[in-house]
Amino acid sequence: MSGEDLRPLKKLAIWSLIVAAGLISAFVSFLSLVSVWIGFSEIHRAGSWLPVTGGILIFLLTLWLYIRAAGALRRHLKSPDLFEL
């Protein structure tokens, strides 16, 4: 099998990685947004700023990492040789 024969399989694998990373990012984002929500619901308690700050930072970090990883994988899709096996 040549590299050209495996091209559709490689594209499918890259798109699968992008979708899997998206699902993981969505899960982590959900947990961080729940943390923010709990922090705001307990605003009358001392230290309620900690889950809010942590949740926002984790959400932004997750979003940034996903955008960077998905962009890198999409650039590999546009390259003529994809991945060399």
PDB file of N, CA and C in Angstrom:
ATOM      1  N   MET A   1       0.830  -1.166   0.000  1.00  0.00           N
ATOM      2  CA  MET A   1       0.000   0.000   0.000  1.00  0.00           C
ATOM      3  C   MET A   1       0.884   1.242   0.000  1.00  0.00           C
ATOM      4  N   SER A   2       0.536   2.155  -0.807  1.00  0.00           N
ATOM      5  CA  SER A   2       1.295   3.395  -0.871  1.00  0.00           C
ATOM      6  C   SER A   2       0.669   4.426   0.082  1.00  0.00           C
ATOM      7  N   GLY A   3       1.365   5.538   0.230  1.00  0.00           N
ATOM      8  CA  GLY A   3       0.861   6.599   1.085  1.00  0.00           C
ATOM      9  C   GLY A   3      -0.426   7.193   0.559  1.00  0.00           C
ATOM     10  N   GLU A   4      -0.582   7.177  -0.768  1.00  0.00           N
ATOM     11  CA  GLU A   4      -1.799   7.734  -1.380  1.00  0.00           C
ATOM     12  C   GLU A   4      -3.014   6.856  -1.089  1.00  0.00           C
ATOM     13  N   ASP A   5      -2.798   5.541  -0.956  1.00  0.00           N
ATOM     14  CA  ASP A   5      -3.904   4.641  -0.627  1.00  0.00           C
ATOM     15  C   ASP A   5      -4.410   4.858   0.802  1.00  0.00           C
ATOM     16  N   LEU A   6      -3.509   5.279   1.677  1.00  0.00           N
ATOM     17  CA  LEU A   6      -3.873   5.459   3.081  1.00  0.00           C
ATOM     18  C   LEU A   6      -4.372   6.868   3.395  1.00  0.00           C
ATOM     19  N   ARG A   7      -4.402   7.739   2.409  1.00  0.00           N
ATOM     20  CA  ARG A   7      -4.792   9.129   2.635  1.00  0.00           C
ATOM     21  C   ARG A   7      -6.190   9.269   3.267  1.00  0.00           C
ATOM     22  N   PRO A   8      -7.231   8.570   2.772  1.00  0.00           N
ATOM     23  CA  PRO A   8      -8.551   8.702   3.421  1.00  0.00           C
ATOM     24  C   PRO A   8      -8.540   8.213   4.874  1.00  0.00           C
ATOM     25  N   LEU A   9      -7.778   7.167   5.136  1.00  0.00           N
ATOM     26  CA  LEU A   9      -7.692   6.641   6.495  1.00  0.00           C
ATOM     27  C   LEU A   9      -6.985   7.638   7.417  1.00  0.00           C
ATOM     28  N   LYS A  10      -5.956   8.290   6.894  1.00  0.00           N
ATOM     29  CA  LYS A  10      -5.248   9.288   7.689  1.00  0.00           C
ATOM     30  C   LYS A  10      -6.136  10.492   7.973  1.00  0.00           C
ATOM     31  N   LYS A  11      -6.909  10.913   6.968  1.00  0.00           N
ATOM     32  CA  LYS A  11      -7.832  12.028   7.190  1.00  0.00           C
ATOM     33  C   LYS A  11      -8.878  11.664   8.245  1.00  0.00           C
ATOM     34  N   LEU A  12      -9.397  10.466   8.174  1.00  0.00           N
ATOM     35  CA  LEU A  12     -10.377  10.007   9.156  1.00  0.00           C
ATOM     36  C   LEU A  12      -9.767   9.981  10.560  1.00  0.00           C
ATOM     37  N   ALA A  13      -8.523   9.535  10.659  1.00  0.00           N
ATOM     38  CA  ALA A  13      -7.863   9.488  11.961  1.00  0.00           C
ATOM     39  C   ALA A  13      -7.651  10.888  12.517  1.00  0.00           C
ATOM     40  N   ILE A  14      -7.271  11.834  11.676  1.00  0.00           N
ATOM     41  CA  ILE A  14      -7.065  13.209  12.145  1.00  0.00           C
ATOM     42  C   ILE A  14      -8.378  13.829  12.583  1.00  0.00           C
ATOM     43  N   TRP A  15      -9.427  13.636  11.794  1.00  0.00           N
ATOM     44  CA  TRP A  15     -10.724  14.185  12.193  1.00  0.00           C
ATOM     45  C   TRP A  15     -11.236  13.526  13.466  1.00  0.00           C
ATOM     46  N   SER A  16     -10.950  12.242  13.634  1.00  0.00           N
ATOM     47  CA  SER A  16     -11.335  11.554  14.875  1.00  0.00           C
ATOM     48  C   SER A  16     -10.605  12.151  16.074  1.00  0.00           C
ATOM     49  N   LEU A  17      -9.324  12.480  15.893  1.00  0.00           N
ATOM     50  CA  LEU A  17      -8.569  13.118  16.967  1.00  0.00           C
ATOM     51  C   LEU A  17      -9.143  14.489  17.307  1.00  0.00           C
ATOM     52  N   ILE A  18      -9.534  15.247  16.287  1.00  0.00           N
ATOM     53  CA  ILE A  18     -10.117  16.566  16.523  1.00  0.00           C
ATOM     54  C   ILE A  18     -11.434  16.436  17.291  1.00  0.00           C
ATOM     55  N   VAL A  19     -12.267  15.485  16.907  1.00  0.00           N
ATOM     56  CA  VAL A  19     -13.551  15.282  17.594  1.00  0.00           C
ATOM     57  C   VAL A  19     -13.326  14.798  19.022  1.00  0.00           C
ATOM     58  N   ALA A  20     -12.386  13.869  19.213  1.00  0.00           N
ATOM     59  CA  ALA A  20     -12.105  13.371  20.560  1.00  0.00           C
ATOM     60  C   ALA A  20     -11.570  14.490  21.452  1.00  0.00           C
ATOM     61  N   ALA A  21     -10.691  15.312  20.907  1.00  0.00           N
ATOM     62  CA  ALA A  21     -10.175  16.448  21.679  1.00  0.00           C
ATOM     63  C   ALA A  21     -11.298  17.427  21.995  1.00  0.00           C
ATOM     64  N   GLY A  22     -12.229  17.605  21.078  1.00  0.00           N
ATOM     65  CA  GLY A  22     -13.371  18.478  21.322  1.00  0.00           C
ATOM     66  C   GLY A  22     -14.262  17.957  22.435  1.00  0.00           C
ATOM     67  N   LEU A  23     -14.483  16.655  22.452  1.00  0.00           N
ATOM     68  CA  LEU A  23     -15.308  16.068  23.513  1.00  0.00           C
ATOM     69  C   LEU A  23     -14.633  16.190  24.872  1.00  0.00           C
ATOM     70  N   ILE A  24     -13.339  15.953  24.917  1.00  0.00           N
ATOM     71  CA  ILE A  24     -12.605  16.090  26.173  1.00  0.00           C
ATOM     72  C   ILE A  24     -12.609  17.550  26.625  1.00  0.00           C
ATOM     73  N   SER A  25     -12.415  18.449  25.691  1.00  0.00           N
ATOM     74  CA  SER A  25     -12.444  19.885  26.015  1.00  0.00           C
ATOM     75  C   SER A  25     -13.819  20.310  26.504  1.00  0.00           C
ATOM     76  N   ALA A  26     -14.859  19.782  25.891  1.00  0.00           N
ATOM     77  CA  ALA A  26     -16.216  20.115  26.323  1.00  0.00           C
ATOM     78  C   ALA A  26     -16.470  19.615  27.743  1.00  0.00           C
ATOM     79  N   PHE A  27     -15.982  18.434  28.068  1.00  0.00           N
ATOM     80  CA  PHE A  27     -16.156  17.888  29.410  1.00  0.00           C
ATOM     81  C   PHE A  27     -15.429  18.736  30.444  1.00  0.00           C
ATOM     82  N   VAL A  28     -14.172  19.085  30.171  1.00  0.00           N
ATOM     83  CA  VAL A  28     -13.406  19.907  31.107  1.00  0.00           C
ATOM     84  C   VAL A  28     -14.022  21.297  31.221  1.00  0.00           C
ATOM     85  N   SER A  29     -14.492  21.840  30.110  1.00  0.00           N
ATOM     86  CA  SER A  29     -15.148  23.153  30.136  1.00  0.00           C
ATOM     87  C   SER A  29     -16.420  23.107  30.967  1.00  0.00           C
ATOM     88  N   PHE A  30     -17.177  22.043  30.832  1.00  0.00           N
ATOM     89  CA  PHE A  30     -18.393  21.887  31.637  1.00  0.00           C
ATOM     90  C   PHE A  30     -18.061  21.863  33.122  1.00  0.00           C
ATOM     91  N   LEU A  31     -17.034  21.109  33.500  1.00  0.00           N
ATOM     92  CA  LEU A  31     -16.644  21.057  34.906  1.00  0.00           C
ATOM     93  C   LEU A  31     -16.178  22.416  35.415  1.00  0.00           C
ATOM     94  N   SER A  32     -15.440  23.148  34.589  1.00  0.00           N
ATOM     95  CA  SER A  32     -14.969  24.463  35.029  1.00  0.00           C
ATOM     96  C   SER A  32     -16.131  25.456  35.136  1.00  0.00           C
ATOM     97  N   LEU A  33     -17.104  25.372  34.241  1.00  0.00           N
ATOM     98  CA  LEU A  33     -18.264  26.262  34.335  1.00  0.00           C
ATOM     99  C   LEU A  33     -19.151  25.913  35.535  1.00  0.00           C
ATOM    100  N   VAL A  34     -19.221  24.650  35.886  1.00  0.00           N
ATOM    101  CA  VAL A  34     -19.930  24.256  37.108  1.00  0.00           C
ATOM    102  C   VAL A  34     -19.214  24.831  38.328  1.00  0.00           C
ATOM    103  N   SER A  35     -17.891  24.831  38.298  1.00  0.00           N
ATOM    104  CA  SER A  35     -17.118  25.421  39.387  1.00  0.00           C
ATOM    105  C   SER A  35     -17.418  26.908  39.526  1.00  0.00           C
ATOM    106  N   VAL A  36     -17.496  27.614  38.409  1.00  0.00           N
ATOM    107  CA  VAL A  36     -17.825  29.039  38.438  1.00  0.00           C
ATOM    108  C   VAL A  36     -19.237  29.237  38.995  1.00  0.00           C
ATOM    109  N   TRP A  37     -20.165  28.423  38.561  1.00  0.00           N
ATOM    110  CA  TRP A  37     -21.548  28.530  39.025  1.00  0.00           C
ATOM    111  C   TRP A  37     -21.642  28.293  40.538  1.00  0.00           C
ATOM    112  N   ILE A  38     -20.942  27.284  41.033  1.00  0.00           N
ATOM    113  CA  ILE A  38     -20.955  27.005  42.472  1.00  0.00           C
ATOM    114  C   ILE A  38     -20.312  28.160  43.238  1.00  0.00           C
ATOM    115  N   GLY A  39     -19.239  28.706  42.691  1.00  0.00           N
ATOM    116  CA  GLY A  39     -18.593  29.846  43.344  1.00  0.00           C
ATOM    117  C   GLY A  39     -19.519  31.035  43.447  1.00  0.00           C
ATOM    118  N   PHE A  40     -20.270  31.314  42.380  1.00  0.00           N
ATOM    119  CA  PHE A  40     -21.208  32.441  42.427  1.00  0.00           C
ATOM    120  C   PHE A  40     -22.422  32.145  43.298  1.00  0.00           C
ATOM    121  N   SER A  41     -22.825  30.886  43.385  1.00  0.00           N
ATOM    122  CA  SER A  41     -23.980  30.562  44.225  1.00  0.00           C
ATOM    123  C   SER A  41     -23.632  30.616  45.713  1.00  0.00           C
ATOM    124  N   GLU A  42     -22.367  30.493  46.043  1.00  0.00           N
ATOM    125  CA  GLU A  42     -21.921  30.565  47.442  1.00  0.00           C
ATOM    126  C   GLU A  42     -21.144  31.860  47.696  1.00  0.00           C
ATOM    127  N   ILE A  43     -21.550  32.935  47.054  1.00  0.00           N
ATOM    128  CA  ILE A  43     -20.816  34.196  47.117  1.00  0.00           C
ATOM    129  C   ILE A  43     -20.764  34.778  48.534  1.00  0.00           C
ATOM    130  N   HIS A  44     -21.706  34.397  49.378  1.00  0.00           N
ATOM    131  CA  HIS A  44     -21.749  34.920  50.753  1.00  0.00           C
ATOM    132  C   HIS A  44     -20.684  34.289  51.643  1.00  0.00           C
ATOM    133  N   ARG A  45     -20.053  33.224  51.214  1.00  0.00           N
ATOM    134  CA  ARG A  45     -19.026  32.549  52.013  1.00  0.00           C
ATOM    135  C   ARG A  45     -17.644  33.107  51.704  1.00  0.00           C
ATOM    136  N   ALA A  46     -16.782  33.015  52.689  1.00  0.00           N
ATOM    137  CA  ALA A  46     -15.398  33.451  52.485  1.00  0.00           C
ATOM    138  C   ALA A  46     -14.703  32.467  51.528  1.00  0.00           C
ATOM    139  N   GLY A  47     -13.936  32.972  50.628  1.00  0.00           N
ATOM    140  CA  GLY A  47     -13.192  32.123  49.697  1.00  0.00           C
ATOM    141  C   GLY A  47     -13.988  31.672  48.496  1.00  0.00           C
ATOM    142  N   SER A  48     -15.152  32.254  48.278  1.00  0.00           N
ATOM    143  CA  SER A  48     -15.950  31.842  47.123  1.00  0.00           C
ATOM    144  C   SER A  48     -15.328  32.295  45.810  1.00  0.00           C
ATOM    145  N   TRP A  49     -14.369  33.180  45.863  1.00  0.00           N
ATOM    146  CA  TRP A  49     -13.698  33.653  44.656  1.00  0.00           C
ATOM    147  C   TRP A  49     -12.796  32.571  44.067  1.00  0.00           C
ATOM    148  N   LEU A  50     -12.349  31.622  44.899  1.00  0.00           N
ATOM    149  CA  LEU A  50     -11.411  30.610  44.423  1.00  0.00           C
ATOM    150  C   LEU A  50     -12.005  29.708  43.342  1.00  0.00           C
ATOM    151  N   PRO A  51     -13.201  29.119  43.514  1.00  0.00           N
ATOM    152  CA  PRO A  51     -13.742  28.311  42.422  1.00  0.00           C
ATOM    153  C   PRO A  51     -14.077  29.139  41.189  1.00  0.00           C
ATOM    154  N   VAL A  52     -14.446  30.405  41.382  1.00  0.00           N
ATOM    155  CA  VAL A  52     -14.746  31.263  40.236  1.00  0.00           C
ATOM    156  C   VAL A  52     -13.471  31.509  39.428  1.00  0.00           C
ATOM    157  N   THR A  53     -12.417  31.919  40.113  1.00  0.00           N
ATOM    158  CA  THR A  53     -11.152  32.195  39.436  1.00  0.00           C
ATOM    159  C   THR A  53     -10.569  30.937  38.804  1.00  0.00           C
ATOM    160  N   GLY A  54     -10.566  29.847  39.560  1.00  0.00           N
ATOM    161  CA  GLY A  54     -10.038  28.589  39.022  1.00  0.00           C
ATOM    162  C   GLY A  54     -10.834  28.085  37.828  1.00  0.00           C
ATOM    163  N   GLY A  55     -12.149  28.186  37.918  1.00  0.00           N
ATOM    164  CA  GLY A  55     -12.989  27.734  36.815  1.00  0.00           C
ATOM    165  C   GLY A  55     -12.778  28.549  35.551  1.00  0.00           C
ATOM    166  N   ILE A  56     -12.660  29.871  35.715  1.00  0.00           N
ATOM    167  CA  ILE A  56     -12.438  30.730  34.545  1.00  0.00           C
ATOM    168  C   ILE A  56     -11.075  30.443  33.923  1.00  0.00           C
ATOM    169  N   LEU A  57     -10.051  30.299  34.761  1.00  0.00           N
ATOM    170  CA  LEU A  57      -8.713  30.024  34.231  1.00  0.00           C
ATOM    171  C   LEU A  57      -8.646  28.672  33.520  1.00  0.00           C
ATOM    172  N   ILE A  58      -9.251  27.659  34.101  1.00  0.00           N
ATOM    173  CA  ILE A  58      -9.242  26.331  33.471  1.00  0.00           C
ATOM    174  C   ILE A  58     -10.045  26.346  32.175  1.00  0.00           C
ATOM    175  N   PHE A  59     -11.168  27.061  32.173  1.00  0.00           N
ATOM    176  CA  PHE A  59     -11.966  27.171  30.953  1.00  0.00           C
ATOM    177  C   PHE A  59     -11.170  27.833  29.835  1.00  0.00           C
ATOM    178  N   LEU A  60     -10.517  28.947  30.141  1.00  0.00           N
ATOM    179  CA  LEU A  60      -9.737  29.649  29.123  1.00  0.00           C
ATOM    180  C   LEU A  60      -8.548  28.822  28.653  1.00  0.00           C
ATOM    181  N   LEU A  61      -7.883  28.122  29.566  1.00  0.00           N
ATOM    182  CA  LEU A  61      -6.761  27.265  29.194  1.00  0.00           C
ATOM    183  C   LEU A  61      -7.215  26.116  28.304  1.00  0.00           C
ATOM    184  N   THR A  62      -8.329  25.511  28.640  1.00  0.00           N
ATOM    185  CA  THR A  62      -8.866  24.413  27.830  1.00  0.00           C
ATOM    186  C   THR A  62      -9.240  24.897  26.437  1.00  0.00           C
ATOM    187  N   LEU A  63      -9.890  26.038  26.368  1.00  0.00           N
ATOM    188  CA  LEU A  63     -10.272  26.603  25.080  1.00  0.00           C
ATOM    189  C   LEU A  63      -9.046  26.918  24.233  1.00  0.00           C
ATOM    190  N   TRP A  64      -8.035  27.521  24.831  1.00  0.00           N
ATOM    191  CA  TRP A  64      -6.808  27.869  24.111  1.00  0.00           C
ATOM    192  C   TRP A  64      -6.093  26.613  23.606  1.00  0.00           C
ATOM    193  N   LEU A  65      -5.974  25.608  24.472  1.00  0.00           N
ATOM    194  CA  LEU A  65      -5.301  24.366  24.066  1.00  0.00           C
ATOM    195  C   LEU A  65      -6.048  23.662  22.941  1.00  0.00           C
ATOM    196  N   TYR A  66      -7.377  23.641  23.010  1.00  0.00           N
ATOM    197  CA  TYR A  66      -8.139  22.980  21.955  1.00  0.00           C
ATOM    198  C   TYR A  66      -7.987  23.706  20.624  1.00  0.00           C
ATOM    199  N   ILE A  67      -8.050  25.024  20.657  1.00  0.00           N
ATOM    200  CA  ILE A  67      -7.905  25.785  19.415  1.00  0.00           C
ATOM    201  C   ILE A  67      -6.526  25.563  18.813  1.00  0.00           C
ATOM    202  N   ARG A  68      -5.495  25.557  19.642  1.00  0.00           N
ATOM    203  CA  ARG A  68      -4.134  25.327  19.141  1.00  0.00           C
ATOM    204  C   ARG A  68      -3.978  23.907  18.573  1.00  0.00           C
ATOM    205  N   ALA A  69      -4.482  22.904  19.298  1.00  0.00           N
ATOM    206  CA  ALA A  69      -4.341  21.517  18.850  1.00  0.00           C
ATOM    207  C   ALA A  69      -5.151  21.256  17.580  1.00  0.00           C
ATOM    208  N   ALA A  70      -6.379  21.754  17.543  1.00  0.00           N
ATOM    209  CA  ALA A  70      -7.213  21.548  16.350  1.00  0.00           C
ATOM    210  C   ALA A  70      -6.605  22.262  15.145  1.00  0.00           C
ATOM    211  N   GLY A  71      -6.057  23.443  15.358  1.00  0.00           N
ATOM    212  CA  GLY A  71      -5.406  24.163  14.264  1.00  0.00           C
ATOM    213  C   GLY A  71      -4.188  23.421  13.740  1.00  0.00           C
ATOM    214  N   ALA A  72      -3.400  22.862  14.649  1.00  0.00           N
ATOM    215  CA  ALA A  72      -2.223  22.099  14.228  1.00  0.00           C
ATOM    216  C   ALA A  72      -2.629  20.849  13.444  1.00  0.00           C
ATOM    217  N   LEU A  73      -3.666  20.169  13.893  1.00  0.00           N
ATOM    218  CA  LEU A  73      -4.122  18.979  13.182  1.00  0.00           C
ATOM    219  C   LEU A  73      -4.708  19.330  11.819  1.00  0.00           C
ATOM    220  N   ARG A  74      -5.417  20.450  11.736  1.00  0.00           N
ATOM    221  CA  ARG A  74      -5.965  20.878  10.437  1.00  0.00           C
ATOM    222  C   ARG A  74      -4.860  21.264   9.468  1.00  0.00           C
ATOM    223  N   ARG A  75      -3.777  21.847   9.986  1.00  0.00           N
ATOM    224  CA  ARG A  75      -2.641  22.163   9.106  1.00  0.00           C
ATOM    225  C   ARG A  75      -2.029  20.891   8.539  1.00  0.00           C
ATOM    226  N   HIS A  76      -2.023  19.817   9.326  1.00  0.00           N
ATOM    227  CA  HIS A  76      -1.524  18.538   8.826  1.00  0.00           C
ATOM    228  C   HIS A  76      -2.427  17.985   7.725  1.00  0.00           C
ATOM    229  N   LEU A  77      -3.717  18.270   7.813  1.00  0.00           N
ATOM    230  CA  LEU A  77      -4.629  17.827   6.754  1.00  0.00           C
ATOM    231  C   LEU A  77      -4.332  18.526   5.437  1.00  0.00           C
ATOM    232  N   LYS A  78      -3.895  19.774   5.496  1.00  0.00           N
ATOM    233  CA  LYS A  78      -3.631  20.536   4.284  1.00  0.00           C
ATOM    234  C   LYS A  78      -2.274  20.205   3.673  1.00  0.00           C
ATOM    235  N   SER A  79      -1.367  19.596   4.446  1.00  0.00           N
ATOM    236  CA  SER A  79      -0.056  19.258   3.900  1.00  0.00           C
ATOM    237  C   SER A  79      -0.192  18.146   2.873  1.00  0.00           C
ATOM    238  N   PRO A  80       0.653  18.130   1.852  1.00  0.00           N
ATOM    239  CA  PRO A  80       0.498  17.137   0.779  1.00  0.00           C
ATOM    240  C   PRO A  80       0.790  15.709   1.208  1.00  0.00           C
ATOM    241  N   ASP A  81       1.673  15.524   2.176  1.00  0.00           N
ATOM    242  CA  ASP A  81       2.019  14.147   2.532  1.00  0.00           C
ATOM    243  C   ASP A  81       1.338  13.659   3.805  1.00  0.00           C
ATOM    244  N   LEU A  82       0.579  14.516   4.489  1.00  0.00           N
ATOM    245  CA  LEU A  82      -0.043  14.197   5.769  1.00  0.00           C
ATOM    246  C   LEU A  82       1.028  13.674   6.720  1.00  0.00           C
ATOM    247  N   PHE A  83       0.916  12.452   7.155  1.00  0.00           N
ATOM    248  CA  PHE A  83       1.928  11.848   8.026  1.00  0.00           C
ATOM    249  C   PHE A  83       2.655  10.747   7.274  1.00  0.00           C
ATOM    250  N   GLU A  84       3.934  10.689   7.474  1.00  0.00           N
ATOM    251  CA  GLU A  84       4.701   9.597   6.879  1.00  0.00           C
ATOM    252  C   GLU A  84       4.675   8.404   7.821  1.00  0.00           C
ATOM    253  N   LEU A  85       4.314   7.259   7.300  1.00  0.00           N
ATOM    254  CA  LEU A  85       4.311   6.035   8.116  1.00  0.00           C
ATOM    255  C   LEU A  85       5.533   5.210   7.795  1.00  0.00           C
TER     256      LEU A  85
END
